[in-house]
Amino acid sequence: MDSMSIAPVRPAGPNPVQPRSTRPLEGRARARRTDAIVSDLRDVRRQSDADELTRQLIETNAAVARSMASRYRNRGIDLDDLEQVALLGLTKAAQRFDPDAGHDFLSFAVPTVRGELRRHFRDSGWMVRPPRRVQDLQTRIAGAQEELERELGRSPRPSEIAAHLEEDTSDVVEALAADGCFTPTSLDAPVADGSSSLGDLLGDEDRALAQAEAKVMLEPLMRGLTARDRRIVRLRYYQEQTQQEIADSVGLTQAQVSRVLTRILADLRVGLVERPPAA
């Protein structure tokens, strides 16, 4: 597993949290703490204060990153490594987060954490460890294929790749045959006539079904909102109006609409977490 471990994260700015340093906040407590930090970030003036608040934002939501990492356990990469990668993604998200943009922090951070985890699997998730010479040749072949495709206007033959690299054709064939064993094929790789990718052919969640499930889960929570809050949600997420358009419609400022949306999303998230399972 040594080849799949990563060095401790040391990004610029606030230091990322160290695993399991404190007891994590959960549910409503975490949401309230996150909202308070984001609110403070809007008013901060000194960079040192902003760095400290960003560190607190990371620390408060570290448990969420670890939870995301745990979903990828038992797939050939040590869980500690996955947690480190997830914390790196959370750190990057916190450093890029704009508190004035009106985004819920976790809604902004989760895609970044997920992307870091998937990228780590793409780069380090070797299913079989081939000889070093094959690994090195595979890297050279990838570059040669791109260059030859541009020159030839088609995919090059193994013999053409071998001639370009001045390698034996048998060695090139061996490296090409081993490709799927230790480097997962990109989901963006074109298939058939090139009009679709491999990822397009894989099964995925039914968006309509997911939306129906979301509506069923959110309906009781939406009924608990005020009439104005429900209207703001409809304008933003159903009619896709901008915050300024919503502000003009409901008689608020854009900044007020931003804060209202942040509060609504936090309340709905907490409500989903704490809602008891249906009988």
Protein backbone atom coordinates (compact mmCIF):
# COMPACT_ATOMS: atom_id res chain seq x y z
CA MET A 1 0.00 0.00 0.00
CA ASP A 2 3.03 2.37 0.16
CA SER A 3 2.57 3.40 -3.45
CA MET A 4 -0.96 4.53 -2.75
CA SER A 5 -0.31 6.66 0.34
CA ILE A 6 -0.12 10.41 0.11
CA ALA A 7 1.96 12.91 2.00
CA PRO A 8 0.28 14.95 4.74
CA VAL A 9 -1.66 17.83 3.27
CA ARG A 10 0.14 21.16 3.63
CA PRO A 11 -1.79 23.69 1.50
CA ALA A 12 -1.18 27.42 1.73
CA GLY A 13 -3.30 29.39 4.17
CA PRO A 14 -5.03 27.66 7.07
CA ASN A 15 -3.77 24.24 8.01
CA PRO A 16 -6.19 21.38 7.34
CA VAL A 17 -7.50 19.58 10.36
CA GLN A 18 -5.79 16.48 11.59
CA PRO A 19 -7.95 13.34 11.69
CA ARG A 20 -9.98 12.71 14.83
CA SER A 21 -8.52 15.60 16.81
CA THR A 22 -11.81 16.59 18.43
CA ARG A 23 -15.27 15.17 18.82
CA PRO A 24 -17.16 16.18 15.65
CA LEU A 25 -20.33 18.24 15.71
CA GLU A 26 -23.39 16.59 14.26
CA GLY A 27 -26.71 17.56 12.74
CA ARG A 28 -28.15 20.88 13.84
CA ALA A 29 -25.10 21.80 15.90
CA ARG A 30 -22.79 21.46 12.92
CA ALA A 31 -25.15 23.39 10.65
CA ARG A 32 -25.49 26.23 13.15
CA ARG A 33 -21.74 26.38 13.68
CA THR A 34 -21.09 26.40 9.93
CA ASP A 35 -23.63 29.17 9.36
CA ALA A 36 -22.09 31.24 12.14
CA ILE A 37 -18.60 30.89 10.66
CA VAL A 38 -19.85 31.80 7.18
CA SER A 39 -21.61 34.84 8.62
CA ASP A 40 -18.38 35.93 10.33
CA LEU A 41 -16.45 35.45 7.09
CA ARG A 42 -18.71 37.97 5.37
CA ASP A 43 -17.65 40.69 7.80
CA VAL A 44 -14.00 39.80 8.34
CA ARG A 45 -11.38 42.35 7.32
CA ARG A 46 -7.98 40.97 8.32
CA GLN A 47 -6.50 38.07 6.38
CA SER A 48 -5.31 36.42 9.59
CA ASP A 49 -8.89 36.39 10.88
CA ALA A 50 -10.14 34.98 7.58
CA ASP A 51 -7.54 32.21 7.74
CA GLU A 52 -8.61 31.28 11.27
CA LEU A 53 -12.30 31.20 10.31
CA THR A 54 -11.49 29.06 7.28
CA ARG A 55 -9.63 26.64 9.54
CA GLN A 56 -12.69 26.48 11.80
CA LEU A 57 -14.92 25.87 8.78
CA ILE A 58 -12.75 22.89 7.79
CA GLU A 59 -12.62 21.52 11.32
CA THR A 60 -16.38 21.83 11.80
CA ASN A 61 -17.15 19.85 8.64
CA ALA A 62 -14.28 17.35 8.73
CA ALA A 63 -16.65 14.58 9.80
CA VAL A 64 -18.60 15.04 6.58
CA ALA A 65 -15.43 14.58 4.51
CA ARG A 66 -14.49 11.44 6.47
CA SER A 67 -18.00 10.08 5.97
CA MET A 68 -17.64 10.56 2.21
CA ALA A 69 -14.27 8.80 2.28
CA SER A 70 -15.78 5.84 4.14
CA ARG A 71 -18.14 5.20 1.21
CA TYR A 72 -15.10 4.19 -0.85
CA ARG A 73 -13.65 1.77 1.70
CA ASN A 74 -12.72 -1.80 0.72
CA ARG A 75 -11.90 -0.79 -2.86
CA GLY A 76 -8.17 -1.36 -2.70
CA ILE A 77 -7.04 1.88 -1.03
CA ASP A 78 -6.46 2.30 2.69
CA LEU A 79 -9.20 4.24 4.49
CA ASP A 80 -6.67 6.55 6.17
CA ASP A 81 -5.41 7.58 2.74
CA LEU A 82 -8.96 8.19 1.56
CA GLU A 83 -9.71 10.35 4.59
CA GLN A 84 -6.59 12.40 3.93
CA VAL A 85 -7.66 12.94 0.33
CA ALA A 86 -11.17 13.91 1.42
CA LEU A 87 -9.78 16.41 3.93
CA LEU A 88 -7.62 17.86 1.17
CA GLY A 89 -10.75 18.36 -0.93
CA LEU A 90 -12.54 19.98 2.00
CA THR A 91 -9.57 22.28 2.56
CA LYS A 92 -9.53 23.34 -1.08
CA ALA A 93 -13.27 24.01 -0.99
CA ALA A 94 -13.00 26.09 2.17
CA GLN A 95 -10.18 28.17 0.72
CA ARG A 96 -12.15 28.83 -2.48
CA PHE A 97 -15.51 29.42 -0.78
CA ASP A 98 -17.05 32.86 -1.29
CA PRO A 99 -19.34 33.59 1.67
CA ASP A 100 -21.03 36.40 -0.27
CA ALA A 101 -22.05 34.16 -3.20
CA GLY A 102 -25.10 32.82 -1.41
CA HIS A 103 -24.09 29.16 -1.55
CA ASP A 104 -24.59 26.69 1.26
CA PHE A 105 -21.08 25.63 2.24
CA LEU A 106 -21.61 21.88 2.10
CA SER A 107 -23.43 22.14 -1.23
CA PHE A 108 -20.30 23.89 -2.49
CA ALA A 109 -17.77 21.61 -0.79
CA VAL A 110 -19.19 18.13 -1.42
CA PRO A 111 -18.51 18.10 -5.20
CA THR A 112 -14.90 19.17 -4.56
CA VAL A 113 -14.37 16.40 -1.99
CA ARG A 114 -15.98 13.83 -4.27
CA GLY A 115 -13.81 14.99 -7.17
CA GLU A 116 -10.63 14.63 -5.12
CA LEU A 117 -11.60 11.08 -4.10
CA ARG A 118 -12.40 10.05 -7.66
CA ARG A 119 -9.19 11.62 -8.95
CA HIS A 120 -7.19 9.70 -6.35
CA PHE A 121 -8.77 6.44 -7.48
CA ARG A 122 -8.04 7.31 -11.08
CA ASP A 123 -4.38 8.04 -10.37
CA SER A 124 -3.64 5.55 -7.58
CA GLY A 125 -6.28 2.84 -7.72
CA TRP A 126 -4.15 0.15 -9.34
CA MET A 127 -5.92 -3.20 -9.42
CA VAL A 128 -2.75 -5.13 -10.34
CA ARG A 129 0.83 -3.91 -9.90
CA PRO A 130 2.70 -4.59 -13.17
CA PRO A 131 6.49 -4.50 -13.63
CA ARG A 132 8.03 -1.04 -13.50
CA ARG A 133 9.21 -1.25 -17.11
CA VAL A 134 5.60 -1.82 -18.22
CA GLN A 135 4.39 1.12 -16.14
CA ASP A 136 7.03 3.40 -17.64
CA LEU A 137 6.32 2.22 -21.18
CA GLN A 138 2.58 2.68 -20.64
CA THR A 139 3.15 6.35 -19.80
CA ARG A 140 5.23 6.86 -22.94
CA ILE A 141 2.66 5.04 -25.06
CA ALA A 142 -0.10 7.37 -23.88
CA GLY A 143 1.87 10.40 -25.07
CA ALA A 144 2.84 8.72 -28.33
CA GLN A 145 -0.75 7.76 -29.11
CA GLU A 146 -1.92 11.36 -28.84
CA GLU A 147 0.88 12.61 -31.06
CA LEU A 148 0.42 9.91 -33.69
CA GLU A 149 -3.36 10.35 -33.75
CA ARG A 150 -2.84 14.01 -34.66
CA GLU A 151 -0.33 13.10 -37.37
CA LEU A 152 -2.18 10.12 -38.85
CA GLY A 153 -5.77 11.21 -38.30
CA ARG A 154 -6.57 7.80 -36.84
CA SER A 155 -5.58 5.52 -33.97
CA PRO A 156 -2.01 4.25 -34.48
CA ARG A 157 -1.19 0.56 -34.78
CA PRO A 158 1.04 -1.05 -32.13
CA SER A 159 3.81 -1.37 -34.72
CA GLU A 160 3.61 2.36 -35.45
CA ILE A 161 3.78 3.18 -31.76
CA ALA A 162 6.76 0.86 -31.35
CA ALA A 163 8.58 2.51 -34.25
CA HIS A 164 7.83 5.98 -32.86
CA LEU A 165 9.19 5.01 -29.43
CA GLU A 166 11.99 2.85 -30.85
CA GLU A 167 10.76 -0.11 -28.80
CA ASP A 168 10.06 -3.72 -29.71
CA THR A 169 6.52 -4.26 -30.96
CA SER A 170 6.11 -7.17 -28.53
CA ASP A 171 6.85 -4.87 -25.57
CA VAL A 172 4.34 -2.30 -26.77
CA VAL A 173 1.70 -5.00 -27.22
CA GLU A 174 2.39 -6.27 -23.69
CA ALA A 175 1.96 -2.77 -22.22
CA LEU A 176 -1.23 -2.17 -24.19
CA ALA A 177 -2.66 -5.50 -23.05
CA ALA A 178 -1.89 -4.67 -19.43
CA ASP A 179 -3.53 -1.23 -19.64
CA GLY A 180 -6.90 -2.26 -18.24
CA CYS A 181 -5.30 -4.22 -15.42
CA PHE A 182 -3.63 -1.34 -13.65
CA THR A 183 -4.98 1.91 -15.14
CA PRO A 184 -8.77 2.15 -15.10
CA THR A 185 -10.16 3.29 -18.43
CA SER A 186 -11.41 6.86 -18.27
CA LEU A 187 -15.17 7.22 -18.16
CA ASP A 188 -14.67 10.04 -20.67
CA ALA A 189 -13.09 7.68 -23.21
CA PRO A 190 -15.05 7.73 -26.51
CA VAL A 191 -16.75 4.54 -27.66
CA ALA A 192 -18.44 3.38 -30.85
CA ASP A 193 -18.52 6.27 -33.33
CA GLY A 194 -17.16 8.71 -30.76
CA SER A 195 -20.51 10.38 -30.13
CA SER A 196 -20.72 8.95 -26.61
CA SER A 197 -18.32 8.04 -23.83
CA LEU A 198 -17.89 4.95 -21.71
CA GLY A 199 -19.53 6.77 -18.81
CA ASP A 200 -22.65 7.34 -20.93
CA LEU A 201 -23.12 3.58 -21.21
CA LEU A 202 -22.93 2.92 -17.48
CA GLY A 203 -26.03 2.67 -15.39
CA ASP A 204 -26.84 5.72 -13.34
CA GLU A 205 -29.47 6.94 -10.96
CA ASP A 206 -32.80 7.82 -12.52
CA ARG A 207 -32.98 11.59 -12.12
CA ALA A 208 -36.75 11.60 -12.32
CA LEU A 209 -36.95 8.96 -9.59
CA ALA A 210 -34.43 10.85 -7.46
CA GLN A 211 -36.43 14.05 -7.90
CA ALA A 212 -39.62 12.26 -6.92
CA GLU A 213 -37.97 10.86 -3.80
CA ALA A 214 -36.59 14.30 -2.95
CA LYS A 215 -40.04 15.86 -3.27
CA VAL A 216 -41.54 13.23 -0.97
CA MET A 217 -38.83 13.84 1.63
CA LEU A 218 -38.90 17.63 1.38
CA GLU A 219 -42.66 18.16 1.22
CA PRO A 220 -43.24 17.93 5.00
CA LEU A 221 -40.28 20.24 5.61
CA MET A 222 -41.46 22.74 2.99
CA ARG A 223 -44.84 22.95 4.72
CA GLY A 224 -43.00 24.14 7.82
CA LEU A 225 -41.57 27.16 5.99
CA THR A 226 -43.22 30.54 5.94
CA ALA A 227 -45.10 31.58 2.82
CA ARG A 228 -42.29 33.98 1.90
CA ASP A 229 -39.61 31.34 2.34
CA ARG A 230 -41.55 28.87 0.18
CA ARG A 231 -41.90 31.53 -2.49
CA ILE A 232 -38.18 32.25 -2.42
CA VAL A 233 -37.39 28.53 -2.78
CA ARG A 234 -39.76 28.23 -5.76
CA LEU A 235 -38.30 31.29 -7.45
CA ARG A 236 -34.71 30.15 -6.93
CA TYR A 237 -34.82 26.40 -7.53
CA TYR A 238 -37.91 25.89 -9.69
CA GLN A 239 -37.94 29.06 -11.78
CA GLU A 240 -34.12 29.47 -11.55
CA GLN A 241 -34.27 33.21 -10.95
CA THR A 242 -31.17 35.08 -9.81
CA GLN A 243 -30.91 36.41 -6.28
CA GLN A 244 -31.36 39.96 -7.57
CA GLU A 245 -34.53 38.99 -9.46
CA ILE A 246 -35.87 37.34 -6.32
CA ALA A 247 -34.97 40.41 -4.27
CA ASP A 248 -36.92 42.65 -6.66
CA SER A 249 -39.88 40.27 -6.52
CA VAL A 250 -40.18 39.90 -2.73
CA GLY A 251 -38.99 43.35 -1.65
CA LEU A 252 -35.62 42.43 -0.15
CA THR A 253 -32.03 43.25 -0.99
CA GLN A 254 -29.82 40.74 -2.77
CA ALA A 255 -27.74 40.29 0.39
CA GLN A 256 -30.89 39.54 2.41
CA VAL A 257 -32.02 36.97 -0.15
CA SER A 258 -28.59 35.34 0.07
CA ARG A 259 -28.84 35.03 3.85
CA VAL A 260 -32.43 33.75 3.67
CA LEU A 261 -31.44 31.04 1.17
CA THR A 262 -28.50 30.00 3.33
CA ARG A 263 -30.78 29.72 6.36
CA ILE A 264 -33.47 27.79 4.48
CA LEU A 265 -30.98 25.27 3.07
CA ALA A 266 -29.40 24.76 6.49
CA ASP A 267 -32.83 24.19 8.09
CA LEU A 268 -33.88 21.74 5.38
CA ARG A 269 -30.60 19.85 5.66
CA VAL A 270 -30.94 19.56 9.43
CA GLY A 271 -34.56 18.52 9.04
CA LEU A 272 -33.59 15.72 6.67
CA VAL A 273 -30.85 14.48 9.02
CA GLU A 274 -33.03 14.53 12.12
CA ARG A 275 -36.27 13.35 10.53
CA PRO A 276 -37.19 9.86 11.82
CA PRO A 277 -37.44 7.12 9.17
CA ALA A 278 -40.91 6.47 7.79
CA ALA A 279 -42.76 3.54 9.29
